[in-house]
Amino acid sequence: MGDYAPEVEELELELLLEALVQRFGFDFRSHERATLKRKLFALLQRRGLRTLSQLQDRVLHDSATSAALLRALAVPPATLFDDPLEAMQLLAVAEQCLPGAPLPKVWLADCAGAEQAWTVAVLLAERQLLWRTEIYATVSSDALLQEALAASIAPERMAACQHRYEQAGGCGRLADYFQLEDGALVPLPQLKNRITWAQYNLVTDASFNEFQLIVCRRALPDFGPLLRHRVLQLFHDSLAVLGVLGIDRELDSKERLAGHYQQVVAREPWYKRVG
């Protein structure tokens, strides 16, 4: 990462990660190191810093730098219907697992911001599934929570969003799900009110509800093997029987929980819990 010995770089990384735990309560020590280094290197460049020690000093003494670091290590923010194929798959599995539950619940774990949650709300609204479904969107920090609650869309972006919405199978006007407030677009109250936002730490927090659908496709690639195992167990404890789990890659048949799941989309990591 810098022009100094690799063992020094590794020590600096360990000290920085420990500082984040001790000072802010955010534990990235079990994340994939290659991904962490890539994100940290990009932040160093943006901040004009040379070493992780310099970054640690800034993080501990400057709130703007600490906020920038936590944002850099978080899931990159999604845009509305930015992955039409994922949206189509999510709708297909939602139509399988939500109608049978009296009060279905969806968990967007480590949600990639407001626009990911709005995408899901629009998808469910199109199939008349939203009005009795509660979407729980959790993020890893209070800063990300405030960012999501204050989010809006510039009107000039809607044409590109409409195109992606149509690619995902949308058959109406995406703008009809939004209203103008202070020159920006926000979801209609009947959509926005179906989303419950909360700060939640996948590394340390326990199961908090039972869900018919859990989606965590964008955060899991950052997790190392031990943390990944811990989070998959958490999802298992939180998923109703016959509920569906959407993750980043196909389950290895050797994984301890694999026998409890049945793949519901060919060659794609969407799984129904069968036991």
Protein backbone atom coordinates (compact mmCIF):
# COMPACT_ATOMS: atom_id res chain seq x y z
CA MET A 1 0.00 0.00 0.00
CA GLY A 2 2.88 2.31 0.76
CA ASP A 3 6.57 2.33 -0.19
CA TYR A 4 7.63 0.61 3.03
CA ALA A 5 8.08 -2.95 4.29
CA PRO A 6 5.04 -5.26 3.97
CA GLU A 7 5.33 -6.31 7.61
CA VAL A 8 5.08 -2.66 8.68
CA GLU A 9 2.03 -2.23 6.46
CA GLU A 10 0.40 -5.28 8.07
CA LEU A 11 1.14 -3.96 11.56
CA GLU A 12 -0.32 -0.57 10.69
CA LEU A 13 -3.44 -2.26 9.32
CA GLU A 14 -3.89 -4.28 12.52
CA LEU A 15 -3.48 -1.15 14.65
CA LEU A 16 -5.95 0.81 12.52
CA LEU A 17 -8.57 -1.94 12.73
CA GLU A 18 -8.07 -2.22 16.48
CA ALA A 19 -8.45 1.55 16.80
CA LEU A 20 -11.77 1.41 14.96
CA VAL A 21 -13.03 -1.18 17.44
CA GLN A 22 -11.80 0.66 20.53
CA ARG A 23 -12.79 4.17 19.45
CA PHE A 24 -15.96 3.65 17.40
CA GLY A 25 -17.12 0.08 18.07
CA PHE A 26 -16.86 -1.00 14.42
CA ASP A 27 -15.12 -4.32 13.92
CA PHE A 28 -13.59 -4.95 10.48
CA ARG A 29 -10.94 -7.37 11.77
CA SER A 30 -12.68 -10.39 10.21
CA HIS A 31 -13.20 -8.78 6.80
CA GLU A 32 -11.27 -9.89 3.73
CA ARG A 33 -7.87 -8.21 3.90
CA ALA A 34 -7.49 -7.72 0.15
CA THR A 35 -10.82 -5.85 0.00
CA LEU A 36 -9.95 -3.76 3.06
CA LYS A 37 -6.60 -2.77 1.59
CA ARG A 38 -8.14 -1.81 -1.74
CA LYS A 39 -10.68 0.46 -0.06
CA LEU A 40 -8.13 1.95 2.34
CA PHE A 41 -5.62 2.60 -0.44
CA ALA A 42 -8.26 4.52 -2.40
CA LEU A 43 -9.06 6.57 0.72
CA LEU A 44 -5.37 7.35 1.28
CA GLN A 45 -5.15 8.70 -2.26
CA ARG A 46 -8.26 10.83 -1.86
CA ARG A 47 -6.97 12.27 1.42
CA GLY A 48 -3.42 12.85 0.21
CA LEU A 49 -1.95 10.52 2.84
CA ARG A 50 0.96 8.11 2.47
CA THR A 51 0.60 5.58 5.30
CA LEU A 52 -2.05 3.87 7.39
CA SER A 53 -0.46 5.38 10.49
CA GLN A 54 -1.19 8.85 9.11
CA LEU A 55 -4.76 7.76 8.40
CA GLN A 56 -5.15 6.35 11.92
CA ASP A 57 -3.99 9.64 13.44
CA ARG A 58 -6.52 11.58 11.37
CA VAL A 59 -9.31 9.11 12.11
CA LEU A 60 -8.80 9.36 15.86
CA HIS A 61 -8.68 13.16 15.92
CA ASP A 62 -10.84 14.35 13.05
CA SER A 63 -14.53 13.48 12.79
CA ALA A 64 -14.68 14.17 9.05
CA THR A 65 -11.91 11.65 8.38
CA SER A 66 -13.46 9.01 10.63
CA ALA A 67 -16.81 9.46 8.86
CA ALA A 68 -15.07 9.17 5.47
CA LEU A 69 -13.31 5.98 6.56
CA LEU A 70 -16.49 4.30 7.78
CA ARG A 71 -18.24 5.30 4.55
CA ALA A 72 -15.34 3.90 2.49
CA LEU A 73 -15.49 0.54 4.28
CA ALA A 74 -19.27 0.26 4.08
CA VAL A 75 -21.27 -1.27 1.24
CA PRO A 76 -21.11 1.06 -1.79
CA PRO A 77 -24.43 2.89 -2.22
CA ALA A 78 -26.85 1.45 -4.75
CA THR A 79 -28.80 3.43 -7.30
CA LEU A 80 -32.41 2.79 -8.21
CA PHE A 81 -32.71 -0.47 -10.21
CA ASP A 82 -28.93 -0.51 -10.77
CA ASP A 83 -29.00 -4.31 -11.19
CA PRO A 84 -32.08 -5.22 -13.27
CA LEU A 85 -31.25 -8.95 -13.23
CA GLU A 86 -31.03 -9.01 -9.43
CA ALA A 87 -34.32 -7.10 -9.28
CA MET A 88 -36.04 -9.66 -11.53
CA GLN A 89 -34.73 -12.55 -9.43
CA LEU A 90 -35.74 -10.88 -6.17
CA LEU A 91 -39.28 -10.34 -7.43
CA ALA A 92 -39.53 -13.95 -8.60
CA VAL A 93 -38.52 -15.34 -5.19
CA ALA A 94 -40.66 -12.79 -3.32
CA GLU A 95 -43.70 -14.04 -5.19
CA GLN A 96 -42.88 -17.52 -3.88
CA CYS A 97 -42.20 -16.81 -0.22
CA LEU A 98 -44.26 -13.76 0.77
CA PRO A 99 -47.91 -14.54 -0.14
CA GLY A 100 -48.20 -17.50 2.24
CA ALA A 101 -47.26 -15.53 5.36
CA PRO A 102 -49.92 -13.55 7.28
CA LEU A 103 -47.56 -10.61 7.91
CA PRO A 104 -44.51 -11.14 5.68
CA LYS A 105 -41.22 -9.48 6.56
CA VAL A 106 -38.21 -8.74 4.34
CA TRP A 107 -34.73 -7.99 5.74
CA LEU A 108 -32.25 -6.06 3.60
CA ALA A 109 -29.16 -6.77 5.70
CA ASP A 110 -26.34 -4.23 5.35
CA CYS A 111 -28.57 -2.45 2.87
CA ALA A 112 -26.77 -0.50 0.15
CA GLY A 113 -28.64 2.69 0.95
CA ALA A 114 -32.08 4.13 0.37
CA GLU A 115 -32.29 3.40 -3.35
CA GLN A 116 -31.83 -0.34 -2.85
CA ALA A 117 -34.73 -0.33 -0.37
CA TRP A 118 -36.86 1.81 -2.69
CA THR A 119 -36.18 -0.61 -5.55
CA VAL A 120 -37.51 -3.50 -3.46
CA ALA A 121 -40.55 -1.48 -2.37
CA VAL A 122 -41.44 -0.64 -5.98
CA LEU A 123 -41.03 -4.27 -7.04
CA LEU A 124 -43.37 -5.47 -4.30
CA ALA A 125 -45.87 -2.69 -4.98
CA GLU A 126 -46.08 -3.75 -8.63
CA ARG A 127 -47.28 -7.20 -7.57
CA GLN A 128 -49.55 -5.90 -4.80
CA LEU A 129 -47.29 -7.52 -2.22
CA LEU A 130 -46.06 -4.38 -0.47
CA TRP A 131 -49.18 -3.27 1.37
CA ARG A 132 -49.04 -6.03 3.98
CA THR A 133 -45.25 -6.53 3.92
CA GLU A 134 -42.74 -4.84 6.22
CA ILE A 135 -39.27 -4.15 4.81
CA TYR A 136 -36.51 -3.90 7.40
CA ALA A 137 -33.45 -2.12 6.00
CA THR A 138 -30.43 -2.18 8.30
CA VAL A 139 -27.13 -0.34 7.93
CA SER A 140 -23.93 -0.54 9.92
CA SER A 141 -23.66 3.00 11.33
CA ASP A 142 -25.75 5.96 12.45
CA ALA A 143 -24.18 8.08 9.69
CA LEU A 144 -25.40 5.63 7.03
CA LEU A 145 -28.80 5.55 8.72
CA GLN A 146 -29.13 9.33 8.55
CA GLU A 147 -27.94 9.26 4.94
CA ALA A 148 -30.67 6.78 4.04
CA LEU A 149 -33.42 8.67 5.88
CA ALA A 150 -32.51 11.94 4.14
CA ALA A 151 -32.07 10.48 0.64
CA SER A 152 -33.77 11.77 -2.49
CA ILE A 153 -33.38 11.50 -6.28
CA ALA A 154 -32.68 14.37 -8.67
CA PRO A 155 -35.52 14.54 -11.25
CA GLU A 156 -33.06 14.45 -14.15
CA ARG A 157 -31.97 10.96 -13.08
CA MET A 158 -35.43 9.48 -13.50
CA ALA A 159 -35.14 8.75 -17.25
CA ALA A 160 -32.13 6.46 -16.70
CA CYS A 161 -33.86 4.83 -13.73
CA GLN A 162 -36.98 4.27 -15.85
CA HIS A 163 -34.90 2.42 -18.45
CA ARG A 164 -33.38 0.09 -15.85
CA TYR A 165 -36.81 -0.40 -14.25
CA GLU A 166 -38.17 -1.55 -17.62
CA GLN A 167 -35.19 -3.91 -18.02
CA ALA A 168 -36.20 -5.44 -14.68
CA GLY A 169 -39.72 -6.06 -15.98
CA GLY A 170 -41.40 -2.87 -14.77
CA CYS A 171 -44.43 -2.03 -16.86
CA GLY A 172 -45.52 1.37 -15.57
CA ARG A 173 -44.05 4.81 -14.92
CA LEU A 174 -41.45 4.66 -12.19
CA ALA A 175 -42.04 8.35 -11.48
CA ASP A 176 -45.59 7.48 -10.35
CA TYR A 177 -44.09 5.95 -7.20
CA PHE A 178 -42.41 9.25 -6.26
CA GLN A 179 -43.39 12.79 -5.39
CA LEU A 180 -41.54 16.09 -5.62
CA GLU A 181 -40.33 17.68 -2.37
CA ASP A 182 -38.04 20.72 -2.34
CA GLY A 183 -36.99 20.09 -5.92
CA ALA A 184 -36.11 16.39 -5.42
CA LEU A 185 -38.02 13.12 -5.72
CA VAL A 186 -38.85 10.95 -2.70
CA PRO A 187 -41.06 7.85 -2.50
CA LEU A 188 -44.77 8.27 -1.92
CA PRO A 189 -45.72 7.85 1.75
CA GLN A 190 -47.40 4.51 1.07
CA LEU A 191 -44.02 3.14 -0.11
CA LYS A 192 -41.79 4.94 2.36
CA ASN A 193 -43.93 3.88 5.32
CA ARG A 194 -43.40 0.19 4.53
CA ILE A 195 -39.64 0.52 5.15
CA THR A 196 -38.27 0.43 8.69
CA TRP A 197 -34.68 1.68 8.93
CA ALA A 198 -32.31 0.74 11.76
CA GLN A 199 -28.65 0.64 12.66
CA TYR A 200 -27.54 -2.98 13.01
CA ASN A 201 -24.12 -4.61 13.19
CA LEU A 202 -23.87 -8.00 11.46
CA VAL A 203 -20.59 -8.67 13.27
CA THR A 204 -21.95 -8.41 16.81
CA ASP A 205 -25.75 -8.15 16.94
CA ALA A 206 -28.18 -11.04 17.45
CA SER A 207 -31.22 -12.14 15.51
CA PHE A 208 -34.06 -9.66 16.03
CA ASN A 209 -37.04 -11.06 14.08
CA GLU A 210 -38.23 -13.85 11.81
CA PHE A 211 -38.26 -13.08 8.10
CA GLN A 212 -39.72 -14.64 4.97
CA LEU A 213 -37.01 -13.07 2.77
CA ILE A 214 -33.45 -12.04 3.68
CA VAL A 215 -31.22 -10.35 1.11
CA CYS A 216 -27.50 -9.72 1.64
CA ARG A 217 -25.74 -9.91 -1.71
CA ARG A 218 -23.52 -6.80 -1.65
CA ALA A 219 -21.89 -6.95 1.79
CA LEU A 220 -21.02 -10.65 2.07
CA PRO A 221 -18.09 -10.56 -0.43
CA ASP A 222 -16.22 -8.33 2.03
CA PHE A 223 -16.39 -10.88 4.86
CA GLY A 224 -13.61 -13.31 5.72
CA PRO A 225 -14.43 -17.03 6.20
CA LEU A 226 -15.11 -16.92 9.96
CA LEU A 227 -17.29 -13.82 9.76
CA ARG A 228 -19.12 -15.20 6.75
CA HIS A 229 -19.92 -18.39 8.69
CA ARG A 230 -21.15 -16.31 11.64
CA VAL A 231 -23.42 -14.18 9.44
CA LEU A 232 -24.86 -17.16 7.55
CA GLN A 233 -25.73 -18.73 10.91
CA LEU A 234 -27.39 -15.45 11.94
CA PHE A 235 -29.47 -15.47 8.75
CA HIS A 236 -30.42 -19.11 9.34
CA ASP A 237 -31.60 -18.24 12.85
CA SER A 238 -33.64 -15.35 11.41
CA LEU A 239 -35.23 -17.06 8.39
CA ALA A 240 -38.62 -18.76 8.57
CA VAL A 241 -38.96 -22.27 7.21
CA LEU A 242 -39.84 -21.93 3.49
CA GLY A 243 -38.38 -18.42 3.58
CA VAL A 244 -35.79 -17.42 0.97
CA LEU A 245 -32.19 -16.24 1.45
CA GLY A 246 -30.42 -14.23 -1.25
CA ILE A 247 -26.62 -14.13 -0.92
CA ASP A 248 -23.56 -13.32 -3.03
CA ARG A 249 -22.51 -16.77 -4.24
CA GLU A 250 -23.75 -20.33 -4.36
CA LEU A 251 -23.53 -22.36 -1.16
CA ASP A 252 -20.79 -24.96 -1.04
CA SER A 253 -22.35 -28.38 -0.48
CA LYS A 254 -19.79 -28.92 2.30
CA GLU A 255 -21.05 -25.93 4.29
CA ARG A 256 -22.70 -27.06 7.51
CA LEU A 257 -26.02 -25.32 6.77
CA ALA A 258 -26.23 -26.32 3.10
CA GLY A 259 -28.48 -29.30 3.82
CA HIS A 260 -31.18 -26.97 5.14
CA TYR A 261 -31.54 -25.14 1.83
CA GLN A 262 -32.84 -25.75 -1.67
CA GLN A 263 -31.75 -23.57 -4.58
CA VAL A 264 -34.74 -21.80 -6.16
CA VAL A 265 -33.06 -19.99 -9.09
CA ALA A 266 -30.83 -22.14 -11.31
CA ARG A 267 -27.13 -21.30 -10.91
CA GLU A 268 -27.98 -18.26 -8.79
CA PRO A 269 -27.56 -17.92 -4.99
CA TRP A 270 -31.21 -17.74 -3.94
CA TYR A 271 -32.14 -20.46 -1.43
CA LYS A 272 -35.34 -21.64 0.22
CA ARG A 273 -34.99 -22.88 3.78
CA VAL A 274 -36.47 -26.37 3.89
CA GLY A 275 -35.33 -27.49 7.33
